[in-house]
Amino acid sequence: MKYYLPLIAVAGLTMLSACNKSDEPEVVGGPADPMAAQLANAAPVELPPSVKANKQFRCKDNSLFFVDYMSDDKSAILRTEKNGAPTMLKAAEAGQPFTAEGGYEVKGSGNDVTITVPGKSAQACHV
């Protein structure tokens, strides 16, 4: 046991002696950023809206629709199947119907809404 302690100390000193001993000075600040002025004057970044509520609606014809309402109150995502393709719906103002090209529309954001999809007429749906 007496012989291991000096060997461990020598091994540790050997590892420390392998540290960088360069003669060049270390630059801490780094080079100047060529885009610093542009970034300082850039417009603030607006994050995309997050999901505010997920709702599953059953309609008069017994069909199911899945709607994700976003936090900006001007957009929603409509799915005709639980893991189906999403359709992004937009509203001109908060409280207005959500619409998308092709004839998609969701009126309301509570537990009772009216949903219109291509090939079907508007139908009342509830949670």
N, C-alpha and C. Protein backbone atom coordinates (compact mmCIF):
# COMPACT_ATOMS: atom_id res chain seq x y z
N MET A 1 0.82 -1.18 0.00
CA MET A 1 0.00 0.00 0.00
C MET A 1 0.87 1.25 0.00
N LYS A 2 2.03 1.21 0.65
CA LYS A 2 2.94 2.36 0.71
C LYS A 2 3.46 2.72 -0.67
N TYR A 3 3.59 1.73 -1.54
CA TYR A 3 4.17 1.98 -2.86
C TYR A 3 3.17 2.58 -3.84
N TYR A 4 1.89 2.39 -3.60
CA TYR A 4 0.88 2.88 -4.54
C TYR A 4 0.70 4.39 -4.46
N LEU A 5 0.82 4.97 -3.28
CA LEU A 5 0.61 6.40 -3.12
C LEU A 5 1.59 7.22 -3.96
N PRO A 6 2.87 6.97 -3.93
CA PRO A 6 3.79 7.75 -4.78
C PRO A 6 3.53 7.52 -6.27
N LEU A 7 3.13 6.31 -6.65
CA LEU A 7 2.86 6.05 -8.05
C LEU A 7 1.63 6.83 -8.53
N ILE A 8 0.63 6.93 -7.68
CA ILE A 8 -0.57 7.69 -8.03
C ILE A 8 -0.22 9.17 -8.17
N ALA A 9 0.61 9.68 -7.26
CA ALA A 9 1.01 11.08 -7.31
C ALA A 9 1.81 11.37 -8.58
N VAL A 10 2.72 10.49 -8.95
CA VAL A 10 3.53 10.67 -10.17
C VAL A 10 2.62 10.63 -11.40
N ALA A 11 1.62 9.74 -11.42
CA ALA A 11 0.71 9.65 -12.56
C ALA A 11 -0.11 10.93 -12.69
N GLY A 12 -0.53 11.48 -11.57
CA GLY A 12 -1.29 12.72 -11.59
C GLY A 12 -0.46 13.89 -12.10
N LEU A 13 0.77 13.99 -11.65
CA LEU A 13 1.65 15.06 -12.11
C LEU A 13 1.96 14.92 -13.60
N THR A 14 2.09 13.70 -14.07
CA THR A 14 2.34 13.47 -15.49
C THR A 14 1.17 13.95 -16.33
N MET A 15 -0.03 13.69 -15.87
CA MET A 15 -1.22 14.14 -16.61
C MET A 15 -1.30 15.67 -16.61
N LEU A 16 -0.98 16.31 -15.49
CA LEU A 16 -1.02 17.76 -15.43
C LEU A 16 0.05 18.40 -16.31
N SER A 17 1.17 17.75 -16.46
CA SER A 17 2.25 18.32 -17.28
C SER A 17 1.90 18.28 -18.76
N ALA A 18 0.88 17.54 -19.15
CA ALA A 18 0.46 17.47 -20.55
C ALA A 18 -0.45 18.63 -20.93
N CYS A 19 -0.70 19.57 -20.02
CA CYS A 19 -1.58 20.71 -20.32
C CYS A 19 -0.95 21.61 -21.37
N ASN A 20 -1.76 22.44 -22.00
CA ASN A 20 -1.32 23.33 -23.06
C ASN A 20 -0.34 24.36 -22.53
N LYS A 21 0.84 24.38 -23.12
CA LYS A 21 1.86 25.37 -22.72
C LYS A 21 2.23 26.22 -23.93
N SER A 22 1.25 26.65 -24.66
CA SER A 22 1.48 27.44 -25.87
C SER A 22 1.95 28.83 -25.50
N ASP A 23 2.80 29.42 -26.35
CA ASP A 23 3.32 30.77 -26.11
C ASP A 23 2.38 31.84 -26.65
N GLU A 24 1.38 31.44 -27.44
CA GLU A 24 0.45 32.40 -28.00
C GLU A 24 -0.54 32.86 -26.93
N PRO A 25 -0.83 34.16 -26.90
CA PRO A 25 -1.81 34.64 -25.92
C PRO A 25 -3.21 34.13 -26.29
N GLU A 26 -4.00 33.86 -25.29
CA GLU A 26 -5.36 33.39 -25.50
C GLU A 26 -6.29 34.58 -25.65
N VAL A 27 -7.06 34.60 -26.74
CA VAL A 27 -8.01 35.70 -26.99
C VAL A 27 -9.33 35.31 -26.36
N VAL A 28 -9.75 36.06 -25.36
CA VAL A 28 -10.97 35.73 -24.63
C VAL A 28 -12.21 36.29 -25.31
N GLY A 29 -12.15 37.50 -25.82
CA GLY A 29 -13.31 38.14 -26.43
C GLY A 29 -13.67 37.58 -27.79
N GLY A 30 -12.73 37.06 -28.51
CA GLY A 30 -12.98 36.53 -29.84
C GLY A 30 -13.10 37.64 -30.87
N PRO A 31 -13.23 37.29 -32.14
CA PRO A 31 -13.36 38.31 -33.19
C PRO A 31 -14.71 39.02 -33.08
N ALA A 32 -14.75 40.22 -33.63
CA ALA A 32 -15.99 41.00 -33.59
C ALA A 32 -17.04 40.35 -34.50
N ASP A 33 -18.28 40.41 -34.09
CA ASP A 33 -19.38 39.84 -34.86
C ASP A 33 -19.75 40.79 -35.99
N PRO A 34 -19.63 40.37 -37.27
CA PRO A 34 -19.94 41.28 -38.37
C PRO A 34 -21.43 41.62 -38.48
N MET A 35 -22.31 40.83 -37.87
CA MET A 35 -23.75 41.09 -37.94
C MET A 35 -24.31 41.68 -36.65
N ALA A 36 -23.46 42.12 -35.75
CA ALA A 36 -23.92 42.62 -34.45
C ALA A 36 -24.88 43.79 -34.60
N ALA A 37 -24.58 44.73 -35.49
CA ALA A 37 -25.45 45.90 -35.66
C ALA A 37 -26.80 45.49 -36.26
N GLN A 38 -26.79 44.58 -37.23
CA GLN A 38 -28.04 44.13 -37.84
C GLN A 38 -28.91 43.40 -36.82
N LEU A 39 -28.30 42.56 -36.00
CA LEU A 39 -29.06 41.83 -34.99
C LEU A 39 -29.62 42.75 -33.93
N ALA A 40 -28.87 43.79 -33.57
CA ALA A 40 -29.35 44.74 -32.55
C ALA A 40 -30.55 45.52 -33.06
N ASN A 41 -30.61 45.78 -34.38
CA ASN A 41 -31.70 46.57 -34.95
C ASN A 41 -32.82 45.71 -35.54
N ALA A 42 -32.73 44.41 -35.42
CA ALA A 42 -33.74 43.51 -35.99
C ALA A 42 -35.05 43.60 -35.23
N ALA A 43 -36.13 43.34 -35.94
CA ALA A 43 -37.46 43.34 -35.31
C ALA A 43 -37.56 42.18 -34.33
N PRO A 44 -38.36 42.32 -33.29
CA PRO A 44 -38.51 41.22 -32.33
C PRO A 44 -39.14 40.00 -32.99
N VAL A 45 -38.75 38.85 -32.54
CA VAL A 45 -39.25 37.60 -33.09
C VAL A 45 -40.56 37.23 -32.41
N GLU A 46 -41.56 36.87 -33.21
CA GLU A 46 -42.84 36.44 -32.66
C GLU A 46 -42.92 34.92 -32.72
N LEU A 47 -43.13 34.31 -31.58
CA LEU A 47 -43.21 32.86 -31.52
C LEU A 47 -44.53 32.38 -32.10
N PRO A 48 -44.54 31.19 -32.68
CA PRO A 48 -45.80 30.66 -33.18
C PRO A 48 -46.73 30.35 -32.02
N PRO A 49 -48.03 30.37 -32.25
CA PRO A 49 -48.96 30.11 -31.15
C PRO A 49 -48.89 28.67 -30.67
N SER A 50 -49.17 28.48 -29.41
CA SER A 50 -49.20 27.13 -28.84
C SER A 50 -50.65 26.64 -28.80
N VAL A 51 -50.82 25.36 -28.54
CA VAL A 51 -52.17 24.79 -28.47
C VAL A 51 -52.82 25.22 -27.16
N LYS A 52 -53.98 25.83 -27.28
CA LYS A 52 -54.72 26.32 -26.12
C LYS A 52 -55.69 25.26 -25.60
N ALA A 53 -56.35 24.56 -26.53
CA ALA A 53 -57.30 23.52 -26.15
C ALA A 53 -57.43 22.49 -27.26
N ASN A 54 -57.56 21.23 -26.87
CA ASN A 54 -57.82 20.13 -27.81
C ASN A 54 -59.25 19.66 -27.55
N LYS A 55 -60.06 19.60 -28.58
CA LYS A 55 -61.44 19.16 -28.39
C LYS A 55 -61.81 18.14 -29.45
N GLN A 56 -62.61 17.18 -29.04
CA GLN A 56 -63.14 16.15 -29.93
C GLN A 56 -64.64 16.37 -30.02
N PHE A 57 -65.14 16.56 -31.24
CA PHE A 57 -66.55 16.85 -31.44
C PHE A 57 -67.25 15.69 -32.13
N ARG A 58 -68.47 15.39 -31.69
CA ARG A 58 -69.33 14.43 -32.38
C ARG A 58 -70.48 15.24 -32.98
N CYS A 59 -70.74 14.98 -34.26
CA CYS A 59 -71.74 15.75 -35.00
C CYS A 59 -73.03 14.97 -35.18
N LYS A 60 -74.04 15.65 -35.74
CA LYS A 60 -75.37 15.06 -35.93
C LYS A 60 -75.34 13.76 -36.73
N ASP A 61 -74.45 13.67 -37.73
CA ASP A 61 -74.38 12.46 -38.55
C ASP A 61 -73.47 11.39 -37.93
N ASN A 62 -73.12 11.59 -36.66
CA ASN A 62 -72.30 10.66 -35.87
C ASN A 62 -70.82 10.65 -36.29
N SER A 63 -70.38 11.64 -37.05
CA SER A 63 -68.97 11.73 -37.43
C SER A 63 -68.18 12.44 -36.32
N LEU A 64 -66.89 12.18 -36.29
CA LEU A 64 -66.00 12.79 -35.30
C LEU A 64 -65.07 13.78 -35.96
N PHE A 65 -64.81 14.90 -35.27
CA PHE A 65 -63.84 15.88 -35.72
C PHE A 65 -62.96 16.23 -34.53
N PHE A 66 -61.70 16.49 -34.81
CA PHE A 66 -60.73 16.83 -33.77
C PHE A 66 -60.20 18.22 -34.08
N VAL A 67 -60.36 19.14 -33.12
CA VAL A 67 -59.97 20.53 -33.33
C VAL A 67 -58.99 20.94 -32.22
N ASP A 68 -57.86 21.51 -32.64
CA ASP A 68 -56.88 22.10 -31.71
C ASP A 68 -56.98 23.62 -31.85
N TYR A 69 -57.41 24.28 -30.80
CA TYR A 69 -57.50 25.73 -30.81
C TYR A 69 -56.17 26.29 -30.34
N MET A 70 -55.66 27.30 -31.05
CA MET A 70 -54.36 27.88 -30.73
C MET A 70 -54.51 29.10 -29.81
N SER A 71 -53.40 29.45 -29.15
CA SER A 71 -53.41 30.51 -28.15
C SER A 71 -53.60 31.91 -28.72
N ASP A 72 -53.41 32.10 -30.02
CA ASP A 72 -53.60 33.43 -30.60
C ASP A 72 -55.08 33.73 -30.88
N ASP A 73 -55.97 32.76 -30.67
CA ASP A 73 -57.41 32.88 -30.89
C ASP A 73 -57.77 33.22 -32.34
N LYS A 74 -56.81 33.09 -33.26
CA LYS A 74 -57.06 33.35 -34.68
C LYS A 74 -56.73 32.15 -35.55
N SER A 75 -56.34 31.03 -34.95
CA SER A 75 -56.01 29.85 -35.74
C SER A 75 -56.42 28.58 -35.00
N ALA A 76 -56.70 27.56 -35.80
CA ALA A 76 -57.09 26.26 -35.27
C ALA A 76 -56.64 25.20 -36.26
N ILE A 77 -56.51 23.98 -35.78
CA ILE A 77 -56.14 22.85 -36.63
C ILE A 77 -57.29 21.85 -36.57
N LEU A 78 -57.78 21.45 -37.75
CA LEU A 78 -58.91 20.52 -37.86
C LEU A 78 -58.41 19.19 -38.43
N ARG A 79 -58.83 18.10 -37.79
CA ARG A 79 -58.54 16.76 -38.30
C ARG A 79 -59.86 15.99 -38.38
N THR A 80 -60.02 15.22 -39.46
CA THR A 80 -61.22 14.40 -39.61
C THR A 80 -61.02 13.02 -39.01
N GLU A 81 -59.78 12.66 -38.67
CA GLU A 81 -59.44 11.42 -37.98
C GLU A 81 -58.46 11.77 -36.88
N LYS A 82 -58.41 10.95 -35.84
CA LYS A 82 -57.56 11.25 -34.68
C LYS A 82 -56.12 11.53 -35.08
N ASN A 83 -55.54 10.71 -35.93
CA ASN A 83 -54.17 10.92 -36.38
C ASN A 83 -54.13 11.29 -37.85
N GLY A 84 -55.20 11.89 -38.34
CA GLY A 84 -55.31 12.25 -39.75
C GLY A 84 -54.51 13.49 -40.10
N ALA A 85 -54.57 13.83 -41.37
CA ALA A 85 -53.86 15.01 -41.87
C ALA A 85 -54.48 16.28 -41.29
N PRO A 86 -53.64 17.20 -40.79
CA PRO A 86 -54.16 18.44 -40.22
C PRO A 86 -54.49 19.46 -41.30
N THR A 87 -55.53 20.23 -41.06
CA THR A 87 -55.90 21.35 -41.92
C THR A 87 -55.85 22.61 -41.07
N MET A 88 -54.99 23.56 -41.45
CA MET A 88 -54.84 24.79 -40.69
C MET A 88 -55.96 25.75 -41.06
N LEU A 89 -56.69 26.20 -40.07
CA LEU A 89 -57.79 27.14 -40.26
C LEU A 89 -57.39 28.49 -39.65
N LYS A 90 -57.78 29.57 -40.30
CA LYS A 90 -57.46 30.92 -39.82
C LYS A 90 -58.74 31.74 -39.69
N ALA A 91 -58.75 32.66 -38.74
CA ALA A 91 -59.85 33.61 -38.57
C ALA A 91 -59.30 35.01 -38.78
N ALA A 92 -60.11 35.88 -39.38
CA ALA A 92 -59.67 37.26 -39.62
C ALA A 92 -59.44 37.99 -38.30
N GLU A 93 -60.31 37.77 -37.35
CA GLU A 93 -60.23 38.40 -36.02
C GLU A 93 -60.60 37.35 -34.98
N ALA A 94 -60.17 37.55 -33.75
CA ALA A 94 -60.56 36.65 -32.67
C ALA A 94 -62.07 36.66 -32.54
N GLY A 95 -62.68 35.47 -32.44
CA GLY A 95 -64.12 35.35 -32.31
C GLY A 95 -64.83 35.11 -33.64
N GLN A 96 -64.15 35.31 -34.76
CA GLN A 96 -64.72 35.06 -36.08
C GLN A 96 -64.57 33.58 -36.43
N PRO A 97 -65.32 33.06 -37.42
CA PRO A 97 -65.19 31.65 -37.82
C PRO A 97 -63.80 31.35 -38.37
N PHE A 98 -63.33 30.16 -38.10
CA PHE A 98 -62.05 29.68 -38.63
C PHE A 98 -62.32 29.07 -40.00
N THR A 99 -61.57 29.48 -41.02
CA THR A 99 -61.80 28.97 -42.37
C THR A 99 -60.48 28.58 -43.03
N ALA A 100 -60.60 27.74 -44.07
CA ALA A 100 -59.46 27.36 -44.91
C ALA A 100 -59.96 27.12 -46.31
N GLU A 101 -59.05 27.17 -47.28
CA GLU A 101 -59.42 26.93 -48.67
C GLU A 101 -60.00 25.54 -48.83
N GLY A 102 -60.90 25.41 -49.75
CA GLY A 102 -61.49 24.11 -50.00
C GLY A 102 -62.84 23.93 -49.34
N GLY A 103 -63.29 24.89 -48.53
CA GLY A 103 -64.60 24.78 -47.92
C GLY A 103 -64.60 24.33 -46.47
N TYR A 104 -63.47 24.43 -45.79
CA TYR A 104 -63.42 24.08 -44.37
C TYR A 104 -63.84 25.28 -43.54
N GLU A 105 -64.65 25.03 -42.50
CA GLU A 105 -65.04 26.11 -41.60
C GLU A 105 -65.44 25.54 -40.24
N VAL A 106 -65.01 26.23 -39.20
CA VAL A 106 -65.43 25.91 -37.83
C VAL A 106 -65.93 27.20 -37.22
N LYS A 107 -67.21 27.21 -36.84
CA LYS A 107 -67.82 28.38 -36.20
C LYS A 107 -67.93 28.07 -34.72
N GLY A 108 -67.29 28.90 -33.90
CA GLY A 108 -67.33 28.74 -32.46
C GLY A 108 -66.07 28.10 -31.92
N SER A 109 -65.89 28.23 -30.61
CA SER A 109 -64.71 27.62 -29.98
C SER A 109 -65.06 27.00 -28.63
N GLY A 110 -66.35 26.96 -28.31
CA GLY A 110 -66.79 26.38 -27.05
C GLY A 110 -67.07 24.89 -27.21
N ASN A 111 -68.03 24.40 -26.45
CA ASN A 111 -68.38 22.98 -26.52
C ASN A 111 -69.38 22.67 -27.62
N ASP A 112 -70.05 23.68 -28.18
CA ASP A 112 -70.99 23.50 -29.28
C ASP A 112 -70.52 24.35 -30.46
N VAL A 113 -70.22 23.71 -31.58
CA VAL A 113 -69.73 24.41 -32.76
C VAL A 113 -70.47 23.92 -34.01
N THR A 114 -70.28 24.62 -35.10
CA THR A 114 -70.78 24.20 -36.40
C THR A 114 -69.57 23.96 -37.29
N ILE A 115 -69.49 22.76 -37.87
CA ILE A 115 -68.33 22.39 -38.69
C ILE A 115 -68.80 22.10 -40.11
N THR A 116 -68.06 22.67 -41.07
CA THR A 116 -68.31 22.42 -42.48
C THR A 116 -67.02 21.90 -43.10
N VAL A 117 -67.12 20.78 -43.81
CA VAL A 117 -65.98 20.22 -44.54
C VAL A 117 -66.41 19.99 -45.99
N PRO A 118 -65.45 19.92 -46.93
CA PRO A 118 -65.81 19.70 -48.33
C PRO A 118 -66.62 18.44 -48.52
N GLY A 119 -67.66 18.54 -49.32
CA GLY A 119 -68.51 17.39 -49.61
C GLY A 119 -69.64 17.17 -48.61
N LYS A 120 -69.67 17.96 -47.55
CA LYS A 120 -70.73 17.84 -46.55
C LYS A 120 -71.28 19.23 -46.22
N SER A 121 -72.53 19.28 -45.82
CA SER A 121 -73.10 20.56 -45.41
C SER A 121 -72.71 20.85 -43.97
N ALA A 122 -72.96 22.08 -43.54
CA ALA A 122 -72.65 22.48 -42.16
C ALA A 122 -73.48 21.65 -41.20
N GLN A 123 -72.85 21.23 -40.11
CA GLN A 123 -73.57 20.42 -39.12
C GLN A 123 -73.18 20.83 -37.71
N ALA A 124 -74.16 20.74 -36.83
CA ALA A 124 -73.94 21.08 -35.43
C ALA A 124 -73.18 19.94 -34.75
N CYS A 125 -72.18 20.31 -33.96
CA CYS A 125 -71.36 19.32 -33.27
C CYS A 125 -71.18 19.76 -31.82
N HIS A 126 -70.97 18.80 -30.95
CA HIS A 126 -70.73 19.11 -29.54
C HIS A 126 -69.68 18.18 -28.96
N VAL A 127 -69.14 18.61 -27.84
CA VAL A 127 -68.07 17.83 -27.17
C VAL A 127 -68.66 16.61 -26.53
